[in-house]
Amino acid sequence: MQINQTRKLAHGAMMIAIFTVLMAIVFYIPMANIIAAVIAPLPMIWYSANYDRRSSFLVAIIAVIVTFFIGGLLLIPASLIFAAAGVAIGDAIYNKKSKVFMFISTSTVLLVTFAIQYLISLRLFEVDFIRDSMELMKTSYIESIKMTEKLTGQATPKEVMDNMNNMLNMLEMTLPASITLAMLFVSFIIITVNLPILKRLKVDVPRFGKFSELRLPRSVLWYYLIALSINLFVQPEQNSSLAIIMLNISMILWILLTLQGISFIHFAIDAFGYPKFIKVLSTIVAIPLYSFVILIGIIDLGFNARDYIREKSQK
């Protein structure tokens, strides 16, 4: 028992040290910081995959505190994000959860951690870093327009200005959905990069199924139909709270159904034995034709289209 406790403490201290070094690279070394950021959760994942949740939380908290002494308050937000992601992934491995559960739980933890940091920044420090980022983007856009006008000696057409302003306003309104999708993407990258490393470290990790076998919950279809009905029949006023909420929900659902549609296309290509490069080509074509691909995703979720394809391919 004493030996196990000593091993746990030694392992925890080693993971804290490795995590601190990686965060120092993220903070101080350009170029290498991108690679370090992707693998920064690895020490927390490795520890959480081997020890109970309480010990994992304790090690993660100590690791974040230690990083404060090498980077100050500026490093704390990133440390919290990476430590939280590491504990979420490791805990899923420790409890033998599926990779889908791991992805959802990690994304949720990242969203909650980001939201808490935003509220702390807003309430305690009175700093709205999201709004400040948007203002900086708008200022940079205006300055680039002025510079272009000076170089060319011509005024920017009003139509171009209006389109750019509309795009910036749309970006501002869809920030919640953009942040959610960003956290999903970050979770996917962290899981995809770190699990193969853990496998080499003799950790039993779950596997994702093939993308062509992706089947979202059928409830996604119902959410889409509800959102579509509200947009068609209620018709929220432009820039109202309901309109912004529905826009963000619709954006997330569009992307999910687009992925479902592309998955179905990949399934059909595999079923009929077409060359693999057709998958790449169909994925590229699916981006501009996303409306049609969404329809395919709806059919895939609502009907047994895969059974039909499977029967046709076997004849």
C-alpha atoms as a PDB file:
ATOM      1  CA  MET A   1       0.000   0.000   0.000  1.00  0.00           C
ATOM      2  CA  GLN A   2       2.808   2.390   0.959  1.00  0.00           C
ATOM      3  CA  ILE A   3       4.695   1.475  -2.209  1.00  0.00           C
ATOM      4  CA  ASN A   4       1.607   2.203  -4.361  1.00  0.00           C
ATOM      5  CA  GLN A   5       1.109   5.553  -2.612  1.00  0.00           C
ATOM      6  CA  THR A   6       4.758   6.473  -3.123  1.00  0.00           C
ATOM      7  CA  ARG A   7       4.552   5.475  -6.789  1.00  0.00           C
ATOM      8  CA  LYS A   8       1.412   7.590  -7.217  1.00  0.00           C
ATOM      9  CA  LEU A   9       3.113  10.633  -5.669  1.00  0.00           C
ATOM     10  CA  ALA A  10       6.270  10.146  -7.749  1.00  0.00           C
ATOM     11  CA  HIS A  11       4.278   9.715 -10.938  1.00  0.00           C
ATOM     12  CA  GLY A  12       2.214  12.809 -10.107  1.00  0.00           C
ATOM     13  CA  ALA A  13       5.299  14.911  -9.454  1.00  0.00           C
ATOM     14  CA  MET A  14       6.833  13.765 -12.745  1.00  0.00           C
ATOM     15  CA  MET A  15       3.656  14.630 -14.701  1.00  0.00           C
ATOM     16  CA  ILE A  16       3.486  18.067 -13.071  1.00  0.00           C
ATOM     17  CA  ALA A  17       7.103  18.695 -14.078  1.00  0.00           C
ATOM     18  CA  ILE A  18       6.512  17.602 -17.693  1.00  0.00           C
ATOM     19  CA  PHE A  19       3.311  19.655 -17.910  1.00  0.00           C
ATOM     20  CA  THR A  20       5.146  22.726 -16.583  1.00  0.00           C
ATOM     21  CA  VAL A  21       7.938  22.324 -19.156  1.00  0.00           C
ATOM     22  CA  LEU A  22       5.422  21.992 -22.001  1.00  0.00           C
ATOM     23  CA  MET A  23       3.518  25.085 -20.836  1.00  0.00           C
ATOM     24  CA  ALA A  24       6.806  27.007 -20.623  1.00  0.00           C
ATOM     25  CA  ILE A  25       7.480  26.073 -24.261  1.00  0.00           C
ATOM     26  CA  VAL A  26       3.953  27.186 -25.190  1.00  0.00           C
ATOM     27  CA  PHE A  27       4.515  30.537 -23.486  1.00  0.00           C
ATOM     28  CA  TYR A  28       8.134  31.336 -24.334  1.00  0.00           C
ATOM     29  CA  ILE A  29       9.227  29.524 -27.511  1.00  0.00           C
ATOM     30  CA  PRO A  30       7.684  30.576 -30.851  1.00  0.00           C
ATOM     31  CA  MET A  31       7.124  27.928 -33.558  1.00  0.00           C
ATOM     32  CA  ALA A  32       7.626  25.060 -31.101  1.00  0.00           C
ATOM     33  CA  ASN A  33       4.688  26.330 -29.050  1.00  0.00           C
ATOM     34  CA  ILE A  34       2.144  24.905 -31.520  1.00  0.00           C
ATOM     35  CA  ILE A  35       3.443  21.337 -31.130  1.00  0.00           C
ATOM     36  CA  ALA A  36       3.801  21.800 -27.364  1.00  0.00           C
ATOM     37  CA  ALA A  37       0.220  23.077 -27.107  1.00  0.00           C
ATOM     38  CA  VAL A  38      -1.177  19.984 -28.844  1.00  0.00           C
ATOM     39  CA  ILE A  39       0.668  17.539 -26.558  1.00  0.00           C
ATOM     40  CA  ALA A  40       0.451  19.698 -23.399  1.00  0.00           C
ATOM     41  CA  PRO A  41      -2.527  17.674 -22.030  1.00  0.00           C
ATOM     42  CA  LEU A  42      -0.557  14.414 -22.404  1.00  0.00           C
ATOM     43  CA  PRO A  43       0.918  14.334 -18.848  1.00  0.00           C
ATOM     44  CA  MET A  44      -2.531  14.873 -17.299  1.00  0.00           C
ATOM     45  CA  ILE A  45      -4.053  12.261 -19.626  1.00  0.00           C
ATOM     46  CA  TRP A  46      -1.361   9.729 -18.737  1.00  0.00           C
ATOM     47  CA  TYR A  47      -1.783  10.275 -15.004  1.00  0.00           C
ATOM     48  CA  SER A  48      -5.613  10.337 -15.050  1.00  0.00           C
ATOM     49  CA  ALA A  49      -5.686   7.153 -17.129  1.00  0.00           C
ATOM     50  CA  ASN A  50      -3.858   5.309 -14.346  1.00  0.00           C
ATOM     51  CA  TYR A  51      -5.217   6.816 -11.119  1.00  0.00           C
ATOM     52  CA  ASP A  52      -8.563   7.755  -9.587  1.00  0.00           C
ATOM     53  CA  ARG A  53     -10.417  10.985 -10.281  1.00  0.00           C
ATOM     54  CA  ARG A  54      -9.611  12.629  -6.939  1.00  0.00           C
ATOM     55  CA  SER A  55      -5.862  12.178  -7.392  1.00  0.00           C
ATOM     56  CA  SER A  56      -6.117  13.399 -10.985  1.00  0.00           C
ATOM     57  CA  PHE A  57      -7.912  16.604  -9.957  1.00  0.00           C
ATOM     58  CA  LEU A  58      -5.309  17.254  -7.275  1.00  0.00           C
ATOM     59  CA  VAL A  59      -2.388  16.792  -9.674  1.00  0.00           C
ATOM     60  CA  ALA A  60      -4.072  19.013 -12.287  1.00  0.00           C
ATOM     61  CA  ILE A  61      -4.682  21.808  -9.751  1.00  0.00           C
ATOM     62  CA  ILE A  62      -1.082  21.677  -8.509  1.00  0.00           C
ATOM     63  CA  ALA A  63       0.185  21.696 -12.122  1.00  0.00           C
ATOM     64  CA  VAL A  64      -1.838  24.841 -12.914  1.00  0.00           C
ATOM     65  CA  ILE A  65      -0.556  26.538  -9.758  1.00  0.00           C
ATOM     66  CA  VAL A  66       3.050  25.682 -10.644  1.00  0.00           C
ATOM     67  CA  THR A  67       2.652  27.145 -14.151  1.00  0.00           C
ATOM     68  CA  PHE A  68       1.636  30.430 -12.515  1.00  0.00           C
ATOM     69  CA  PHE A  69       5.207  30.819 -11.232  1.00  0.00           C
ATOM     70  CA  ILE A  70       6.700  30.533 -14.734  1.00  0.00           C
ATOM     71  CA  GLY A  71       4.182  32.586 -16.709  1.00  0.00           C
ATOM     72  CA  GLY A  72       2.063  34.522 -14.245  1.00  0.00           C
ATOM     73  CA  LEU A  73      -1.647  35.156 -14.786  1.00  0.00           C
ATOM     74  CA  LEU A  74      -1.213  35.190 -18.565  1.00  0.00           C
ATOM     75  CA  LEU A  75      -0.436  31.460 -18.606  1.00  0.00           C
ATOM     76  CA  ILE A  76      -3.260  30.393 -16.268  1.00  0.00           C
ATOM     77  CA  PRO A  77      -6.088  30.329 -18.891  1.00  0.00           C
ATOM     78  CA  ALA A  78      -4.139  28.046 -21.238  1.00  0.00           C
ATOM     79  CA  SER A  79      -2.990  25.863 -18.336  1.00  0.00           C
ATOM     80  CA  LEU A  80      -6.576  25.413 -17.149  1.00  0.00           C
ATOM     81  CA  ILE A  81      -7.756  24.493 -20.641  1.00  0.00           C
ATOM     82  CA  PHE A  82      -5.043  21.880 -21.224  1.00  0.00           C
ATOM     83  CA  ALA A  83      -5.172  20.448 -17.707  1.00  0.00           C
ATOM     84  CA  ALA A  84      -8.979  20.135 -17.847  1.00  0.00           C
ATOM     85  CA  ALA A  85      -8.825  18.443 -21.254  1.00  0.00           C
ATOM     86  CA  GLY A  86      -6.162  16.034 -19.985  1.00  0.00           C
ATOM     87  CA  VAL A  87      -8.172  15.022 -16.912  1.00  0.00           C
ATOM     88  CA  ALA A  88     -11.350  14.558 -18.992  1.00  0.00           C
ATOM     89  CA  ILE A  89      -9.629  12.307 -21.541  1.00  0.00           C
ATOM     90  CA  GLY A  90      -7.688  10.351 -18.923  1.00  0.00           C
ATOM     91  CA  ASP A  91     -10.774   9.866 -16.769  1.00  0.00           C
ATOM     92  CA  ALA A  92     -12.655   8.435 -19.766  1.00  0.00           C
ATOM     93  CA  ILE A  93      -9.783   5.977 -20.357  1.00  0.00           C
ATOM     94  CA  TYR A  94      -9.622   5.064 -16.658  1.00  0.00           C
ATOM     95  CA  ASN A  95     -13.368   4.282 -16.604  1.00  0.00           C
ATOM     96  CA  LYS A  96     -13.247   2.354 -19.928  1.00  0.00           C
ATOM     97  CA  LYS A  97     -15.556   4.754 -21.751  1.00  0.00           C
ATOM     98  CA  SER A  98     -15.970   4.848 -25.512  1.00  0.00           C
ATOM     99  CA  LYS A  99     -14.109   7.323 -27.699  1.00  0.00           C
ATOM    100  CA  VAL A 100     -17.383   9.087 -28.535  1.00  0.00           C
ATOM    101  CA  PHE A 101     -18.056   9.604 -24.817  1.00  0.00           C
ATOM    102  CA  MET A 102     -14.480  10.838 -24.443  1.00  0.00           C
ATOM    103  CA  PHE A 103     -14.943  13.358 -27.256  1.00  0.00           C
ATOM    104  CA  ILE A 104     -18.259  14.684 -25.914  1.00  0.00           C
ATOM    105  CA  SER A 105     -17.075  14.886 -22.293  1.00  0.00           C
ATOM    106  CA  THR A 106     -13.812  16.600 -23.262  1.00  0.00           C
ATOM    107  CA  SER A 107     -15.636  19.136 -25.447  1.00  0.00           C
ATOM    108  CA  THR A 108     -18.089  19.849 -22.625  1.00  0.00           C
ATOM    109  CA  VAL A 109     -15.289  20.300 -20.091  1.00  0.00           C
ATOM    110  CA  LEU A 110     -13.460  22.683 -22.438  1.00  0.00           C
ATOM    111  CA  LEU A 111     -16.635  24.726 -23.020  1.00  0.00           C
ATOM    112  CA  VAL A 112     -17.367  24.967 -19.289  1.00  0.00           C
ATOM    113  CA  THR A 113     -13.742  25.890 -18.513  1.00  0.00           C
ATOM    114  CA  PHE A 114     -13.758  28.570 -21.214  1.00  0.00           C
ATOM    115  CA  ALA A 115     -17.102  29.950 -19.968  1.00  0.00           C
ATOM    116  CA  ILE A 116     -15.853  30.120 -16.366  1.00  0.00           C
ATOM    117  CA  GLN A 117     -12.687  31.928 -17.466  1.00  0.00           C
ATOM    118  CA  TYR A 118     -14.751  34.392 -19.494  1.00  0.00           C
ATOM    119  CA  LEU A 119     -17.054  35.135 -16.544  1.00  0.00           C
ATOM    120  CA  ILE A 120     -14.079  35.586 -14.192  1.00  0.00           C
ATOM    121  CA  SER A 121     -12.420  37.930 -16.686  1.00  0.00           C
ATOM    122  CA  LEU A 122     -15.667  39.880 -17.074  1.00  0.00           C
ATOM    123  CA  ARG A 123     -16.661  40.107 -13.402  1.00  0.00           C
ATOM    124  CA  LEU A 124     -13.357  40.330 -11.553  1.00  0.00           C
ATOM    125  CA  PHE A 125     -11.095  42.094 -14.058  1.00  0.00           C
ATOM    126  CA  GLU A 126     -13.806  43.855 -16.120  1.00  0.00           C
ATOM    127  CA  VAL A 127     -12.136  42.642 -19.291  1.00  0.00           C
ATOM    128  CA  ASP A 128     -14.321  41.349 -22.130  1.00  0.00           C
ATOM    129  CA  PHE A 129     -11.653  39.658 -24.249  1.00  0.00           C
ATOM    130  CA  ILE A 130     -14.222  38.411 -26.776  1.00  0.00           C
ATOM    131  CA  ARG A 131     -15.593  41.888 -27.475  1.00  0.00           C
ATOM    132  CA  ASP A 132     -12.065  43.345 -27.438  1.00  0.00           C
ATOM    133  CA  SER A 133     -11.018  40.776 -30.046  1.00  0.00           C
ATOM    134  CA  MET A 134     -13.965  41.711 -32.250  1.00  0.00           C
ATOM    135  CA  GLU A 135     -13.149  45.417 -31.919  1.00  0.00           C
ATOM    136  CA  LEU A 136      -9.515  44.712 -32.804  1.00  0.00           C
ATOM    137  CA  MET A 137     -10.637  42.772 -35.878  1.00  0.00           C
ATOM    138  CA  LYS A 138     -12.897  45.639 -36.994  1.00  0.00           C
ATOM    139  CA  THR A 139     -10.136  48.200 -36.406  1.00  0.00           C
ATOM    140  CA  SER A 140      -7.655  46.112 -38.409  1.00  0.00           C
ATOM    141  CA  TYR A 141     -10.194  45.813 -41.223  1.00  0.00           C
ATOM    142  CA  ILE A 142     -10.803  49.588 -41.330  1.00  0.00           C
ATOM    143  CA  GLU A 143      -7.071  50.320 -41.307  1.00  0.00           C
ATOM    144  CA  SER A 144      -6.432  47.827 -44.131  1.00  0.00           C
ATOM    145  CA  ILE A 145      -9.202  49.474 -46.196  1.00  0.00           C
ATOM    146  CA  LYS A 146      -7.676  52.927 -45.650  1.00  0.00           C
ATOM    147  CA  MET A 147      -4.217  51.652 -46.585  1.00  0.00           C
ATOM    148  CA  THR A 148      -5.576  50.076 -49.759  1.00  0.00           C
ATOM    149  CA  GLU A 149      -7.327  53.316 -50.703  1.00  0.00           C
ATOM    150  CA  LYS A 150      -4.077  55.280 -50.224  1.00  0.00           C
ATOM    151  CA  LEU A 151      -2.080  52.840 -52.347  1.00  0.00           C
ATOM    152  CA  THR A 152      -4.622  52.627 -55.173  1.00  0.00           C
ATOM    153  CA  GLY A 153      -5.970  56.179 -54.943  1.00  0.00           C
ATOM    154  CA  GLN A 154      -9.494  54.816 -55.315  1.00  0.00           C
ATOM    155  CA  ALA A 155     -12.357  54.669 -52.835  1.00  0.00           C
ATOM    156  CA  THR A 156     -13.620  51.243 -51.825  1.00  0.00           C
ATOM    157  CA  PRO A 157     -17.013  50.500 -53.468  1.00  0.00           C
ATOM    158  CA  LYS A 158     -19.965  50.850 -51.088  1.00  0.00           C
ATOM    159  CA  GLU A 159     -21.159  47.349 -52.000  1.00  0.00           C
ATOM    160  CA  VAL A 160     -17.862  45.827 -50.861  1.00  0.00           C
ATOM    161  CA  MET A 161     -17.979  47.791 -47.586  1.00  0.00           C
ATOM    162  CA  ASP A 162     -21.560  46.690 -46.936  1.00  0.00           C
ATOM    163  CA  ASN A 163     -20.714  43.040 -47.598  1.00  0.00           C
ATOM    164  CA  MET A 164     -17.726  43.155 -45.253  1.00  0.00           C
ATOM    165  CA  ASN A 165     -19.743  44.883 -42.530  1.00  0.00           C
ATOM    166  CA  ASN A 166     -22.490  42.279 -42.863  1.00  0.00           C
ATOM    167  CA  MET A 167     -19.898  39.517 -42.610  1.00  0.00           C
ATOM    168  CA  LEU A 168     -18.401  41.031 -39.443  1.00  0.00           C
ATOM    169  CA  ASN A 169     -21.863  41.459 -37.900  1.00  0.00           C
ATOM    170  CA  MET A 170     -22.714  37.849 -38.754  1.00  0.00           C
ATOM    171  CA  LEU A 171     -19.443  36.693 -37.187  1.00  0.00           C
ATOM    172  CA  GLU A 172     -20.260  38.627 -34.018  1.00  0.00           C
ATOM    173  CA  MET A 173     -23.759  37.130 -33.803  1.00  0.00           C
ATOM    174  CA  THR A 174     -22.518  33.579 -34.336  1.00  0.00           C
ATOM    175  CA  LEU A 175     -19.741  33.791 -31.724  1.00  0.00           C
ATOM    176  CA  PRO A 176     -21.402  31.236 -29.367  1.00  0.00           C
ATOM    177  CA  ALA A 177     -21.651  28.667 -32.155  1.00  0.00           C
ATOM    178  CA  SER A 178     -18.129  29.498 -33.373  1.00  0.00           C
ATOM    179  CA  ILE A 179     -16.697  29.022 -29.870  1.00  0.00           C
ATOM    180  CA  THR A 180     -18.595  25.730 -29.460  1.00  0.00           C
ATOM    181  CA  LEU A 181     -17.307  24.423 -32.787  1.00  0.00           C
ATOM    182  CA  ALA A 182     -13.797  25.611 -31.924  1.00  0.00           C
ATOM    183  CA  MET A 183     -13.869  23.631 -28.660  1.00  0.00           C
ATOM    184  CA  LEU A 184     -15.113  20.563 -30.552  1.00  0.00           C
ATOM    185  CA  PHE A 185     -12.260  20.956 -33.024  1.00  0.00           C
ATOM    186  CA  VAL A 186      -9.671  21.424 -30.249  1.00  0.00           C
ATOM    187  CA  SER A 187     -10.988  18.303 -28.479  1.00  0.00           C
ATOM    188  CA  PHE A 188     -10.769  16.285 -31.683  1.00  0.00           C
ATOM    189  CA  ILE A 189      -7.178  17.419 -32.377  1.00  0.00           C
ATOM    190  CA  ILE A 190      -6.015  16.734 -28.803  1.00  0.00           C
ATOM    191  CA  ILE A 191      -7.607  13.268 -28.772  1.00  0.00           C
ATOM    192  CA  THR A 192      -6.366  12.361 -32.262  1.00  0.00           C
ATOM    193  CA  VAL A 193      -2.751  13.373 -31.523  1.00  0.00           C
ATOM    194  CA  ASN A 194      -2.379  12.123 -27.950  1.00  0.00           C
ATOM    195  CA  LEU A 195      -4.107   8.734 -28.016  1.00  0.00           C
ATOM    196  CA  PRO A 196      -1.565   7.142 -30.405  1.00  0.00           C
ATOM    197  CA  ILE A 197       1.226   8.398 -28.101  1.00  0.00           C
ATOM    198  CA  LEU A 198      -0.542   6.869 -25.084  1.00  0.00           C
ATOM    199  CA  LYS A 199      -0.886   3.604 -26.990  1.00  0.00           C
ATOM    200  CA  ARG A 200       2.896   3.528 -27.412  1.00  0.00           C
ATOM    201  CA  LEU A 201       3.162   4.093 -23.653  1.00  0.00           C
ATOM    202  CA  LYS A 202       1.221   0.839 -23.118  1.00  0.00           C
ATOM    203  CA  VAL A 203      -2.057   2.560 -22.162  1.00  0.00           C
ATOM    204  CA  ASP A 204      -5.207   0.786 -23.329  1.00  0.00           C
ATOM    205  CA  VAL A 205      -7.037   3.454 -25.346  1.00  0.00           C
ATOM    206  CA  PRO A 206     -10.400   3.236 -27.179  1.00  0.00           C
ATOM    207  CA  ARG A 207     -10.712   3.584 -30.923  1.00  0.00           C
ATOM    208  CA  PHE A 208     -12.985   5.592 -33.174  1.00  0.00           C
ATOM    209  CA  GLY A 209     -15.025   3.699 -35.717  1.00  0.00           C
ATOM    210  CA  LYS A 210     -14.685   4.516 -39.405  1.00  0.00           C
ATOM    211  CA  PHE A 211     -15.996   7.928 -40.458  1.00  0.00           C
ATOM    212  CA  SER A 212     -18.232   6.154 -42.976  1.00  0.00           C
ATOM    213  CA  GLU A 213     -19.981   4.446 -40.038  1.00  0.00           C
ATOM    214  CA  LEU A 214     -20.791   7.727 -38.263  1.00  0.00           C
ATOM    215  CA  ARG A 215     -24.415   7.828 -37.093  1.00  0.00           C
ATOM    216  CA  LEU A 216     -25.468  10.859 -35.099  1.00  0.00           C
ATOM    217  CA  PRO A 217     -28.342  10.478 -32.612  1.00  0.00           C
ATOM    218  CA  ARG A 218     -31.712  10.726 -34.359  1.00  0.00           C
ATOM    219  CA  SER A 219     -32.587  13.508 -31.906  1.00  0.00           C
ATOM    220  CA  VAL A 220     -30.329  15.796 -33.997  1.00  0.00           C
ATOM    221  CA  LEU A 221     -32.911  15.523 -36.773  1.00  0.00           C
ATOM    222  CA  TRP A 222     -35.703  16.560 -34.401  1.00  0.00           C
ATOM    223  CA  TYR A 223     -33.668  19.525 -33.157  1.00  0.00           C
ATOM    224  CA  TYR A 224     -33.168  20.587 -36.762  1.00  0.00           C
ATOM    225  CA  LEU A 225     -36.880  20.300 -37.555  1.00  0.00           C
ATOM    226  CA  ILE A 226     -37.769  22.337 -34.445  1.00  0.00           C
ATOM    227  CA  ALA A 227     -35.235  25.035 -35.357  1.00  0.00           C
ATOM    228  CA  LEU A 228     -36.495  25.074 -38.957  1.00  0.00           C
ATOM    229  CA  SER A 229     -40.121  25.390 -37.782  1.00  0.00           C
ATOM    230  CA  ILE A 230     -39.273  28.329 -35.488  1.00  0.00           C
ATOM    231  CA  ASN A 231     -37.426  30.107 -38.301  1.00  0.00           C
ATOM    232  CA  LEU A 232     -40.278  29.510 -40.772  1.00  0.00           C
ATOM    233  CA  PHE A 233     -43.371  30.081 -38.642  1.00  0.00           C
ATOM    234  CA  VAL A 234     -42.297  32.236 -35.693  1.00  0.00           C
ATOM    235  CA  GLN A 235     -39.880  34.290 -37.810  1.00  0.00           C
ATOM    236  CA  PRO A 236     -37.907  36.018 -35.033  1.00  0.00           C
ATOM    237  CA  GLU A 237     -37.115  39.686 -35.553  1.00  0.00           C
ATOM    238  CA  GLN A 238     -33.663  40.397 -36.960  1.00  0.00           C
ATOM    239  CA  ASN A 239     -30.989  40.902 -34.282  1.00  0.00           C
ATOM    240  CA  SER A 240     -33.429  39.865 -31.526  1.00  0.00           C
ATOM    241  CA  SER A 241     -32.249  37.474 -28.793  1.00  0.00           C
ATOM    242  CA  LEU A 242     -34.363  34.629 -30.240  1.00  0.00           C
ATOM    243  CA  ALA A 243     -33.003  35.246 -33.746  1.00  0.00           C
ATOM    244  CA  ILE A 244     -29.389  35.119 -32.499  1.00  0.00           C
ATOM    245  CA  ILE A 245     -30.064  31.950 -30.479  1.00  0.00           C
ATOM    246  CA  MET A 246     -31.707  30.222 -33.451  1.00  0.00           C
ATOM    247  CA  LEU A 247     -28.895  31.330 -35.768  1.00  0.00           C
ATOM    248  CA  ASN A 248     -26.259  29.760 -33.494  1.00  0.00           C
ATOM    249  CA  ILE A 249     -28.256  26.547 -32.992  1.00  0.00           C
ATOM    250  CA  SER A 250     -28.933  26.269 -36.725  1.00  0.00           C
ATOM    251  CA  MET A 251     -25.251  26.778 -37.533  1.00  0.00           C
ATOM    252  CA  ILE A 252     -24.193  23.897 -35.273  1.00  0.00           C
ATOM    253  CA  LEU A 253     -26.954  21.640 -36.658  1.00  0.00           C
ATOM    254  CA  TRP A 254     -25.997  22.478 -40.259  1.00  0.00           C
ATOM    255  CA  ILE A 255     -22.420  21.377 -39.627  1.00  0.00           C
ATOM    256  CA  LEU A 256     -23.509  18.175 -37.842  1.00  0.00           C
ATOM    257  CA  LEU A 257     -25.893  17.234 -40.665  1.00  0.00           C
ATOM    258  CA  THR A 258     -23.245  18.094 -43.255  1.00  0.00           C
ATOM    259  CA  LEU A 259     -20.856  15.671 -41.539  1.00  0.00           C
ATOM    260  CA  GLN A 260     -23.627  13.065 -41.481  1.00  0.00           C
ATOM    261  CA  GLY A 261     -24.235  13.579 -45.206  1.00  0.00           C
ATOM    262  CA  ILE A 262     -20.534  13.255 -46.050  1.00  0.00           C
ATOM    263  CA  SER A 263     -20.369  10.117 -43.901  1.00  0.00           C
ATOM    264  CA  PHE A 264     -23.251   8.606 -45.889  1.00  0.00           C
ATOM    265  CA  ILE A 265     -21.501   9.441 -49.169  1.00  0.00           C
ATOM    266  CA  HIS A 266     -18.336   7.716 -47.894  1.00  0.00           C
ATOM    267  CA  PHE A 267     -20.448   4.718 -46.856  1.00  0.00           C
ATOM    268  CA  ALA A 268     -21.942   4.455 -50.346  1.00  0.00           C
ATOM    269  CA  ILE A 269     -18.495   4.734 -51.955  1.00  0.00           C
ATOM    270  CA  ASP A 270     -17.189   1.898 -49.739  1.00  0.00           C
ATOM    271  CA  ALA A 271     -20.287  -0.213 -50.366  1.00  0.00           C
ATOM    272  CA  PHE A 272     -19.890  -0.051 -54.138  1.00  0.00           C
ATOM    273  CA  GLY A 273     -16.111  -0.461 -53.975  1.00  0.00           C
ATOM    274  CA  TYR A 274     -15.189   2.809 -55.697  1.00  0.00           C
ATOM    275  CA  PRO A 275     -11.559   4.071 -55.456  1.00  0.00           C
ATOM    276  CA  LYS A 276     -10.598   5.902 -52.285  1.00  0.00           C
ATOM    277  CA  PHE A 277      -9.716   9.138 -54.089  1.00  0.00           C
ATOM    278  CA  ILE A 278     -13.452   9.497 -54.814  1.00  0.00           C
ATOM    279  CA  LYS A 279     -13.928  10.086 -51.068  1.00  0.00           C
ATOM    280  CA  VAL A 280     -11.498  12.992 -51.119  1.00  0.00           C
ATOM    281  CA  LEU A 281     -13.123  14.442 -54.232  1.00  0.00           C
ATOM    282  CA  SER A 282     -16.645  14.069 -52.825  1.00  0.00           C
ATOM    283  CA  THR A 283     -15.622  15.750 -49.550  1.00  0.00           C
ATOM    284  CA  ILE A 284     -14.170  18.739 -51.428  1.00  0.00           C
ATOM    285  CA  VAL A 285     -17.286  19.026 -53.615  1.00  0.00           C
ATOM    286  CA  ALA A 286     -19.539  18.721 -50.535  1.00  0.00           C
ATOM    287  CA  ILE A 287     -18.324  22.064 -49.128  1.00  0.00           C
ATOM    288  CA  PRO A 288     -19.909  24.341 -51.787  1.00  0.00           C
ATOM    289  CA  LEU A 289     -22.880  21.959 -52.079  1.00  0.00           C
ATOM    290  CA  TYR A 290     -23.494  21.795 -48.322  1.00  0.00           C
ATOM    291  CA  SER A 291     -27.260  22.435 -48.706  1.00  0.00           C
ATOM    292  CA  PHE A 292     -27.626  19.263 -50.775  1.00  0.00           C
ATOM    293  CA  VAL A 293     -25.321  17.355 -48.399  1.00  0.00           C
ATOM    294  CA  ILE A 294     -27.477  18.453 -45.427  1.00  0.00           C
ATOM    295  CA  LEU A 295     -30.479  16.944 -47.224  1.00  0.00           C
ATOM    296  CA  ILE A 296     -28.536  13.691 -47.621  1.00  0.00           C
ATOM    297  CA  GLY A 297     -27.724  13.776 -43.911  1.00  0.00           C
ATOM    298  CA  ILE A 298     -31.417  14.255 -43.057  1.00  0.00           C
ATOM    299  CA  ILE A 299     -32.403  11.293 -45.271  1.00  0.00           C
ATOM    300  CA  ASP A 300     -29.665   9.179 -43.678  1.00  0.00           C
ATOM    301  CA  LEU A 301     -30.916   9.903 -40.145  1.00  0.00           C
ATOM    302  CA  GLY A 302     -34.620   9.741 -40.949  1.00  0.00           C
ATOM    303  CA  PHE A 303     -34.732   6.633 -43.127  1.00  0.00           C
ATOM    304  CA  ASN A 304     -32.894   3.324 -43.491  1.00  0.00           C
ATOM    305  CA  ALA A 305     -30.982   4.575 -46.518  1.00  0.00           C
ATOM    306  CA  ARG A 306     -27.855   2.620 -45.596  1.00  0.00           C
ATOM    307  CA  ASP A 307     -29.740  -0.681 -45.645  1.00  0.00           C
ATOM    308  CA  TYR A 308     -30.975   0.198 -49.139  1.00  0.00           C
ATOM    309  CA  ILE A 309     -27.425   0.997 -50.311  1.00  0.00           C
ATOM    310  CA  ARG A 310     -26.143  -2.193 -48.718  1.00  0.00           C
ATOM    311  CA  GLU A 311     -28.761  -4.302 -50.553  1.00  0.00           C
ATOM    312  CA  LYS A 312     -28.064  -2.587 -53.880  1.00  0.00           C
ATOM    313  CA  SER A 313     -24.306  -3.055 -53.550  1.00  0.00           C
ATOM    314  CA  GLN A 314     -24.682  -6.789 -52.926  1.00  0.00           C
ATOM    315  CA  LYS A 315     -26.651  -7.441 -56.087  1.00  0.00           C
END
